């Protein structure tokens, strides 16, 4: 996998401290859940959501401009649409 498509969680691991509910940890252990992997998966999902949210915010003006263009001029190549 090239550098651009590399997932952030595929690199070297680093120990960190995380505070979690004792009951949640006990349940996870009883169910055989890998706590480190579950935390990593959750953090990875949260990072993706935050990046998507920021990307949408950063590009909001472009979306608004495109929508205004479409509203004023119609869809490009609309005459070729089959639906």
PDB file of N, CA and C in Angstrom:
ATOM      1  N   UNK A   1       0.849  -1.170   0.000  1.00  0.00           N
ATOM      2  CA  UNK A   1       0.000   0.000   0.000  1.00  0.00           C
ATOM      3  C   UNK A   1       0.894   1.232   0.000  1.00  0.00           C
ATOM      4  N   UNK A   2       0.612   2.190  -0.902  1.00  0.00           N
ATOM      5  CA  UNK A   2       1.465   3.377  -0.961  1.00  0.00           C
ATOM      6  C   UNK A   2       1.186   4.321   0.206  1.00  0.00           C
ATOM      7  N   UNK A   3       2.038   5.326   0.354  1.00  0.00           N
ATOM      8  CA  UNK A   3       1.962   6.246   1.490  1.00  0.00           C
ATOM      9  C   UNK A   3       0.629   6.996   1.540  1.00  0.00           C
ATOM     10  N   UNK A   4       0.071   7.367   0.388  1.00  0.00           N
ATOM     11  CA  UNK A   4      -1.172   8.124   0.347  1.00  0.00           C
ATOM     12  C   UNK A   4      -2.327   7.299   0.896  1.00  0.00           C
ATOM     13  N   UNK A   5      -2.380   6.019   0.555  1.00  0.00           N
ATOM     14  CA  UNK A   5      -3.485   5.163   0.971  1.00  0.00           C
ATOM     15  C   UNK A   5      -3.230   4.422   2.268  1.00  0.00           C
ATOM     16  N   UNK A   6      -2.109   4.663   2.900  1.00  0.00           N
ATOM     17  CA  UNK A   6      -1.775   3.958   4.131  1.00  0.00           C
ATOM     18  C   UNK A   6      -2.715   4.379   5.256  1.00  0.00           C
ATOM     19  N   UNK A   7      -3.261   3.406   5.937  1.00  0.00           N
ATOM     20  CA  UNK A   7      -4.122   3.702   7.080  1.00  0.00           C
ATOM     21  C   UNK A   7      -3.264   4.192   8.235  1.00  0.00           C
ATOM     22  N   UNK A   8      -3.762   5.172   9.004  1.00  0.00           N
ATOM     23  CA  UNK A   8      -2.965   5.706  10.102  1.00  0.00           C
ATOM     24  C   UNK A   8      -2.678   4.680  11.196  1.00  0.00           C
ATOM     25  N   UNK A   9      -3.459   3.627  11.275  1.00  0.00           N
ATOM     26  CA  UNK A   9      -3.257   2.633  12.330  1.00  0.00           C
ATOM     27  C   UNK A   9      -2.366   1.468  11.893  1.00  0.00           C
ATOM     28  N   UNK A  10      -1.707   1.601  10.740  1.00  0.00           N
ATOM     29  CA  UNK A  10      -0.843   0.524  10.257  1.00  0.00           C
ATOM     30  C   UNK A  10       0.623   0.735  10.596  1.00  0.00           C
ATOM     31  N   UNK A  11       0.938   1.799  11.269  1.00  0.00           N
ATOM     32  CA  UNK A  11       2.328   2.097  11.599  1.00  0.00           C
ATOM     33  C   UNK A  11       2.733   1.437  12.903  1.00  0.00           C
ATOM     34  N   UNK A  12       3.895   1.830  13.402  1.00  0.00           N
ATOM     35  CA  UNK A  12       4.357   1.280  14.676  1.00  0.00           C
ATOM     36  C   UNK A  12       3.399   1.661  15.797  1.00  0.00           C
ATOM     37  N   UNK A  13       3.325   0.818  16.797  1.00  0.00           N
ATOM     38  CA  UNK A  13       2.429   1.043  17.927  1.00  0.00           C
ATOM     39  C   UNK A  13       3.162   1.819  19.011  1.00  0.00           C
ATOM     40  N   UNK A  14       2.412   2.581  19.774  1.00  0.00           N
ATOM     41  CA  UNK A  14       2.969   3.341  20.883  1.00  0.00           C
ATOM     42  C   UNK A  14       2.065   3.154  22.086  1.00  0.00           C
ATOM     43  N   UNK A  15       2.633   2.823  23.215  1.00  0.00           N
ATOM     44  CA  UNK A  15       1.857   2.651  24.441  1.00  0.00           C
ATOM     45  C   UNK A  15       1.301   3.995  24.887  1.00  0.00           C
ATOM     46  N   UNK A  16       0.074   3.967  25.381  1.00  0.00           N
ATOM     47  CA  UNK A  16      -0.564   5.175  25.888  1.00  0.00           C
ATOM     48  C   UNK A  16      -1.495   4.792  27.029  1.00  0.00           C
ATOM     49  N   UNK A  17      -1.854   5.746  27.829  1.00  0.00           N
ATOM     50  CA  UNK A  17      -2.792   5.498  28.922  1.00  0.00           C
ATOM     51  C   UNK A  17      -4.161   6.001  28.523  1.00  0.00           C
ATOM     52  N   UNK A  18      -5.168   5.179  28.771  1.00  0.00           N
ATOM     53  CA  UNK A  18      -6.549   5.537  28.481  1.00  0.00           C
ATOM     54  C   UNK A  18      -7.366   5.168  29.703  1.00  0.00           C
ATOM     55  N   UNK A  19      -8.227   6.057  30.130  1.00  0.00           N
ATOM     56  CA  UNK A  19      -9.097   5.773  31.268  1.00  0.00           C
ATOM     57  C   UNK A  19     -10.437   5.280  30.755  1.00  0.00           C
ATOM     58  N   UNK A  20     -10.801   4.078  31.172  1.00  0.00           N
ATOM     59  CA  UNK A  20     -12.053   3.466  30.751  1.00  0.00           C
ATOM     60  C   UNK A  20     -12.807   2.969  31.979  1.00  0.00           C
ATOM     61  N   UNK A  21     -14.091   2.852  31.843  1.00  0.00           N
ATOM     62  CA  UNK A  21     -14.927   2.340  32.926  1.00  0.00           C
ATOM     63  C   UNK A  21     -14.503   0.915  33.293  1.00  0.00           C
ATOM     64  N   UNK A  22     -14.389   0.647  34.599  1.00  0.00           N
ATOM     65  CA  UNK A  22     -14.021  -0.698  35.053  1.00  0.00           C
ATOM     66  C   UNK A  22     -15.030  -1.735  34.568  1.00  0.00           C
ATOM     67  N   UNK A  23     -16.313  -1.385  34.624  1.00  0.00           N
ATOM     68  CA  UNK A  23     -17.359  -2.324  34.193  1.00  0.00           C
ATOM     69  C   UNK A  23     -17.226  -2.631  32.703  1.00  0.00           C
ATOM     70  N   UNK A  24     -16.921  -1.609  31.927  1.00  0.00           N
ATOM     71  CA  UNK A  24     -16.766  -1.808  30.485  1.00  0.00           C
ATOM     72  C   UNK A  24     -15.569  -2.700  30.192  1.00  0.00           C
ATOM     73  N   UNK A  25     -14.478  -2.484  30.899  1.00  0.00           N
ATOM     74  CA  UNK A  25     -13.292  -3.326  30.718  1.00  0.00           C
ATOM     75  C   UNK A  25     -13.595  -4.765  31.107  1.00  0.00           C
ATOM     76  N   UNK A  26     -14.290  -4.955  32.212  1.00  0.00           N
ATOM     77  CA  UNK A  26     -14.647  -6.312  32.657  1.00  0.00           C
ATOM     78  C   UNK A  26     -15.522  -7.004  31.623  1.00  0.00           C
ATOM     79  N   UNK A  27     -16.519  -6.294  31.101  1.00  0.00           N
ATOM     80  CA  UNK A  27     -17.393  -6.884  30.071  1.00  0.00           C
ATOM     81  C   UNK A  27     -16.593  -7.253  28.832  1.00  0.00           C
ATOM     82  N   UNK A  28     -15.703  -6.368  28.413  1.00  0.00           N
ATOM     83  CA  UNK A  28     -14.889  -6.638  27.227  1.00  0.00           C
ATOM     84  C   UNK A  28     -14.021  -7.872  27.431  1.00  0.00           C
ATOM     85  N   UNK A  29     -13.406  -7.968  28.591  1.00  0.00           N
ATOM     86  CA  UNK A  29     -12.566  -9.146  28.873  1.00  0.00           C
ATOM     87  C   UNK A  29     -13.390 -10.418  28.898  1.00  0.00           C
ATOM     88  N   UNK A  30     -14.582 -10.366  29.528  1.00  0.00           N
ATOM     89  CA  UNK A  30     -15.463 -11.536  29.578  1.00  0.00           C
ATOM     90  C   UNK A  30     -15.861 -11.996  28.174  1.00  0.00           C
ATOM     91  N   UNK A  31     -15.991 -11.044  27.269  1.00  0.00           N
ATOM     92  CA  UNK A  31     -16.403 -11.356  25.900  1.00  0.00           C
ATOM     93  C   UNK A  31     -15.223 -11.642  24.976  1.00  0.00           C
ATOM     94  N   UNK A  32     -14.012 -11.555  25.508  1.00  0.00           N
ATOM     95  CA  UNK A  32     -12.823 -11.842  24.704  1.00  0.00           C
ATOM     96  C   UNK A  32     -12.485 -10.750  23.706  1.00  0.00           C
ATOM     97  N   UNK A  33     -12.894  -9.523  23.989  1.00  0.00           N
ATOM     98  CA  UNK A  33     -12.628  -8.407  23.088  1.00  0.00           C
ATOM     99  C   UNK A  33     -11.227  -7.875  23.347  1.00  0.00           C
ATOM    100  N   UNK A  34     -10.481  -7.671  22.290  1.00  0.00           N
ATOM    101  CA  UNK A  34      -9.155  -7.068  22.386  1.00  0.00           C
ATOM    102  C   UNK A  34      -9.358  -5.579  22.640  1.00  0.00           C
ATOM    103  N   UNK A  35      -9.092  -5.148  23.857  1.00  0.00           N
ATOM    104  CA  UNK A  35      -9.375  -3.772  24.262  1.00  0.00           C
ATOM    105  C   UNK A  35      -8.539  -2.776  23.464  1.00  0.00           C
ATOM    106  N   UNK A  36      -7.280  -3.066  23.262  1.00  0.00           N
ATOM    107  CA  UNK A  36      -6.427  -2.148  22.495  1.00  0.00           C
ATOM    108  C   UNK A  36      -6.956  -1.977  21.081  1.00  0.00           C
ATOM    109  N   UNK A  37      -7.315  -3.093  20.444  1.00  0.00           N
ATOM    110  CA  UNK A  37      -7.813  -3.030  19.066  1.00  0.00           C
ATOM    111  C   UNK A  37      -9.150  -2.300  19.004  1.00  0.00           C
ATOM    112  N   UNK A  38     -10.013  -2.557  19.986  1.00  0.00           N
ATOM    113  CA  UNK A  38     -11.314  -1.885  20.007  1.00  0.00           C
ATOM    114  C   UNK A  38     -11.137  -0.377  20.185  1.00  0.00           C
ATOM    115  N   UNK A  39     -10.226   0.021  21.066  1.00  0.00           N
ATOM    116  CA  UNK A  39      -9.946   1.451  21.255  1.00  0.00           C
ATOM    117  C   UNK A  39      -9.385   2.057  19.971  1.00  0.00           C
ATOM    118  N   UNK A  40      -8.478   1.343  19.336  1.00  0.00           N
ATOM    119  CA  UNK A  40      -7.877   1.830  18.100  1.00  0.00           C
ATOM    120  C   UNK A  40      -8.931   1.961  17.001  1.00  0.00           C
ATOM    121  N   UNK A  41      -9.809   0.970  16.887  1.00  0.00           N
ATOM    122  CA  UNK A  41     -10.872   1.039  15.885  1.00  0.00           C
ATOM    123  C   UNK A  41     -11.799   2.225  16.143  1.00  0.00           C
ATOM    124  N   UNK A  42     -12.171   2.418  17.395  1.00  0.00           N
ATOM    125  CA  UNK A  42     -13.045   3.534  17.744  1.00  0.00           C
ATOM    126  C   UNK A  42     -12.390   4.876  17.486  1.00  0.00           C
ATOM    127  N   UNK A  43     -11.126   5.007  17.850  1.00  0.00           N
ATOM    128  CA  UNK A  43     -10.404   6.261  17.630  1.00  0.00           C
ATOM    129  C   UNK A  43     -10.224   6.517  16.134  1.00  0.00           C
ATOM    130  N   UNK A  44      -9.938   5.475  15.388  1.00  0.00           N
ATOM    131  CA  UNK A  44      -9.784   5.605  13.943  1.00  0.00           C
ATOM    132  C   UNK A  44     -11.089   6.084  13.303  1.00  0.00           C
ATOM    133  N   UNK A  45     -12.212   5.522  13.739  1.00  0.00           N
ATOM    134  CA  UNK A  45     -13.516   5.946  13.213  1.00  0.00           C
ATOM    135  C   UNK A  45     -13.797   7.401  13.570  1.00  0.00           C
ATOM    136  N   UNK A  46     -13.460   7.794  14.777  1.00  0.00           N
ATOM    137  CA  UNK A  46     -13.688   9.175  15.207  1.00  0.00           C
ATOM    138  C   UNK A  46     -12.811  10.142  14.417  1.00  0.00           C
ATOM    139  N   UNK A  47     -11.571   9.757  14.149  1.00  0.00           N
ATOM    140  CA  UNK A  47     -10.672  10.593  13.338  1.00  0.00           C
ATOM    141  C   UNK A  47     -11.248  10.757  11.930  1.00  0.00           C
ATOM    142  N   UNK A  48     -11.749   9.668  11.329  1.00  0.00           N
ATOM    143  CA  UNK A  48     -12.348   9.755   9.995  1.00  0.00           C
ATOM    144  C   UNK A  48     -13.553  10.686  10.002  1.00  0.00           C
ATOM    145  N   UNK A  49     -14.423  10.557  11.018  1.00  0.00           N
ATOM    146  CA  UNK A  49     -15.604  11.427  11.104  1.00  0.00           C
ATOM    147  C   UNK A  49     -15.203  12.896  11.226  1.00  0.00           C
ATOM    148  N   UNK A  50     -14.228  13.178  12.076  1.00  0.00           N
ATOM    149  CA  UNK A  50     -13.793  14.566  12.275  1.00  0.00           C
ATOM    150  C   UNK A  50     -13.156  15.125  11.014  1.00  0.00           C
ATOM    151  N   UNK A  51     -12.339  14.317  10.330  1.00  0.00           N
ATOM    152  CA  UNK A  51     -11.737  14.788   9.070  1.00  0.00           C
ATOM    153  C   UNK A  51     -12.810  15.079   8.026  1.00  0.00           C
ATOM    154  N   UNK A  52     -13.816  14.212   7.937  1.00  0.00           N
ATOM    155  CA  UNK A  52     -14.906  14.419   6.980  1.00  0.00           C
ATOM    156  C   UNK A  52     -15.679  15.689   7.328  1.00  0.00           C
ATOM    157  N   UNK A  53     -15.949  15.893   8.603  1.00  0.00           N
ATOM    158  CA  UNK A  53     -16.666  17.082   9.045  1.00  0.00           C
ATOM    159  C   UNK A  53     -15.883  18.346   8.692  1.00  0.00           C
ATOM    160  N   UNK A  54     -14.585  18.336   8.949  1.00  0.00           N
ATOM    161  CA  UNK A  54     -13.757  19.502   8.637  1.00  0.00           C
ATOM    162  C   UNK A  54     -13.647  19.727   7.139  1.00  0.00           C
ATOM    163  N   UNK A  55     -13.559  18.647   6.355  1.00  0.00           N
ATOM    164  CA  UNK A  55     -13.485  18.770   4.899  1.00  0.00           C
ATOM    165  C   UNK A  55     -14.759  19.414   4.365  1.00  0.00           C
ATOM    166  N   UNK A  56     -15.900  18.971   4.875  1.00  0.00           N
ATOM    167  CA  UNK A  56     -17.165  19.558   4.443  1.00  0.00           C
ATOM    168  C   UNK A  56     -17.222  21.040   4.780  1.00  0.00           C
ATOM    169  N   UNK A  57     -16.767  21.390   5.977  1.00  0.00           N
ATOM    170  CA  UNK A  57     -16.767  22.790   6.392  1.00  0.00           C
ATOM    171  C   UNK A  57     -15.817  23.615   5.519  1.00  0.00           C
ATOM    172  N   UNK A  58     -14.625  23.079   5.245  1.00  0.00           N
ATOM    173  CA  UNK A  58     -13.642  23.794   4.426  1.00  0.00           C
ATOM    174  C   UNK A  58     -14.129  24.004   2.991  1.00  0.00           C
ATOM    175  N   UNK A  59     -14.962  23.112   2.506  1.00  0.00           N
ATOM    176  CA  UNK A  59     -15.423  23.168   1.119  1.00  0.00           C
ATOM    177  C   UNK A  59     -16.864  23.648   0.987  1.00  0.00           C
ATOM    178  N   UNK A  60     -17.419  24.135   2.080  1.00  0.00           N
ATOM    179  CA  UNK A  60     -18.808  24.584   2.089  1.00  0.00           C
ATOM    180  C   UNK A  60     -19.077  25.657   1.037  1.00  0.00           C
ATOM    181  N   UNK A  61     -18.170  26.608   0.896  1.00  0.00           N
ATOM    182  CA  UNK A  61     -18.352  27.691  -0.079  1.00  0.00           C
ATOM    183  C   UNK A  61     -18.399  27.145  -1.506  1.00  0.00           C
ATOM    184  N   UNK A  62     -17.572  26.154  -1.785  1.00  0.00           N
ATOM    185  CA  UNK A  62     -17.561  25.560  -3.133  1.00  0.00           C
ATOM    186  C   UNK A  62     -18.883  24.845  -3.414  1.00  0.00           C
ATOM    187  N   UNK A  63     -19.415  24.126  -2.424  1.00  0.00           N
ATOM    188  CA  UNK A  63     -20.702  23.451  -2.608  1.00  0.00           C
ATOM    189  C   UNK A  63     -21.816  24.461  -2.858  1.00  0.00           C
ATOM    190  N   UNK A  64     -21.796  25.539  -2.081  1.00  0.00           N
ATOM    191  CA  UNK A  64     -22.820  26.573  -2.249  1.00  0.00           C
ATOM    192  C   UNK A  64     -22.718  27.227  -3.617  1.00  0.00           C
ATOM    193  N   UNK A  65     -21.487  27.489  -4.067  1.00  0.00           N
ATOM    194  CA  UNK A  65     -21.290  28.096  -5.390  1.00  0.00           C
ATOM    195  C   UNK A  65     -21.778  27.158  -6.488  1.00  0.00           C
ATOM    196  N   UNK A  66     -21.474  25.875  -6.362  1.00  0.00           N
ATOM    197  CA  UNK A  66     -21.910  24.913  -7.378  1.00  0.00           C
ATOM    198  C   UNK A  66     -23.431  24.802  -7.399  1.00  0.00           C
ATOM    199  N   UNK A  67     -24.041  24.741  -6.221  1.00  0.00           N
ATOM    200  CA  UNK A  67     -25.506  24.669  -6.153  1.00  0.00           C
ATOM    201  C   UNK A  67     -26.142  25.914  -6.772  1.00  0.00           C
ATOM    202  N   UNK A  68     -25.558  27.077  -6.515  1.00  0.00           N
ATOM    203  CA  UNK A  68     -26.079  28.316  -7.104  1.00  0.00           C
ATOM    204  C   UNK A  68     -25.939  28.282  -8.627  1.00  0.00           C
ATOM    205  N   UNK A  69     -24.812  27.777  -9.115  1.00  0.00           N
ATOM    206  CA  UNK A  69     -24.595  27.665 -10.560  1.00  0.00           C
ATOM    207  C   UNK A  69     -25.663  26.766 -11.184  1.00  0.00           C
ATOM    208  N   UNK A  70     -25.893  25.613 -10.559  1.00  0.00           N
ATOM    209  CA  UNK A  70     -26.880  24.657 -11.077  1.00  0.00           C
ATOM    210  C   UNK A  70     -28.272  25.282 -11.057  1.00  0.00           C
ATOM    211  N   UNK A  71     -28.585  25.976  -9.985  1.00  0.00           N
ATOM    212  CA  UNK A  71     -29.890  26.619  -9.875  1.00  0.00           C
ATOM    213  C   UNK A  71     -30.081  27.660 -10.977  1.00  0.00           C
ATOM    214  N   UNK A  72     -29.040  28.382 -11.278  1.00  0.00           N
ATOM    215  CA  UNK A  72     -29.124  29.447 -12.291  1.00  0.00           C
ATOM    216  C   UNK A  72     -29.033  28.901 -13.713  1.00  0.00           C
ATOM    217  N   UNK A  73     -28.140  27.933 -13.951  1.00  0.00           N
ATOM    218  CA  UNK A  73     -27.854  27.457 -15.310  1.00  0.00           C
ATOM    219  C   UNK A  73     -28.388  26.070 -15.627  1.00  0.00           C
ATOM    220  N   UNK A  74     -28.820  25.342 -14.636  1.00  0.00           N
ATOM    221  CA  UNK A  74     -29.232  23.959 -14.852  1.00  0.00           C
ATOM    222  C   UNK A  74     -28.026  23.029 -14.864  1.00  0.00           C
ATOM    223  N   UNK A  75     -28.293  21.761 -14.967  1.00  0.00           N
ATOM    224  CA  UNK A  75     -27.212  20.774 -14.974  1.00  0.00           C
ATOM    225  C   UNK A  75     -26.464  20.791 -16.299  1.00  0.00           C
ATOM    226  N   UNK A  76     -25.134  20.767 -16.242  1.00  0.00           N
ATOM    227  CA  UNK A  76     -24.375  20.652 -17.491  1.00  0.00           C
ATOM    228  C   UNK A  76     -24.723  19.318 -18.171  1.00  0.00           C
ATOM    229  N   UNK A  77     -24.836  19.358 -19.446  1.00  0.00           N
ATOM    230  CA  UNK A  77     -25.140  18.157 -20.243  1.00  0.00           C
ATOM    231  C   UNK A  77     -26.500  17.541 -19.919  1.00  0.00           C
ATOM    232  N   UNK A  78     -27.395  18.306 -19.327  1.00  0.00           N
ATOM    233  CA  UNK A  78     -28.702  17.786 -18.934  1.00  0.00           C
ATOM    234  C   UNK A  78     -29.467  17.229 -20.136  1.00  0.00           C
ATOM    235  N   UNK A  79     -29.234  17.801 -21.307  1.00  0.00           N
ATOM    236  CA  UNK A  79     -29.973  17.335 -22.493  1.00  0.00           C
ATOM    237  C   UNK A  79     -29.616  15.898 -22.863  1.00  0.00           C
ATOM    238  N   UNK A  80     -28.507  15.393 -22.352  1.00  0.00           N
ATOM    239  CA  UNK A  80     -28.096  14.018 -22.647  1.00  0.00           C
ATOM    240  C   UNK A  80     -28.562  13.001 -21.599  1.00  0.00           C
ATOM    241  N   UNK A  81     -29.202  13.485 -20.558  1.00  0.00           N
ATOM    242  CA  UNK A  81     -29.660  12.572 -19.493  1.00  0.00           C
ATOM    243  C   UNK A  81     -30.789  11.683 -20.000  1.00  0.00           C
ATOM    244  N   UNK A  82     -30.795  10.452 -19.542  1.00  0.00           N
ATOM    245  CA  UNK A  82     -31.821   9.498 -19.978  1.00  0.00           C
ATOM    246  C   UNK A  82     -32.884   9.292 -18.895  1.00  0.00           C
ATOM    247  N   UNK A  83     -32.776  10.017 -17.781  1.00  0.00           N
ATOM    248  CA  UNK A  83     -33.750   9.844 -16.701  1.00  0.00           C
ATOM    249  C   UNK A  83     -34.295  11.177 -16.245  1.00  0.00           C
TER     250      UNK A  83
END
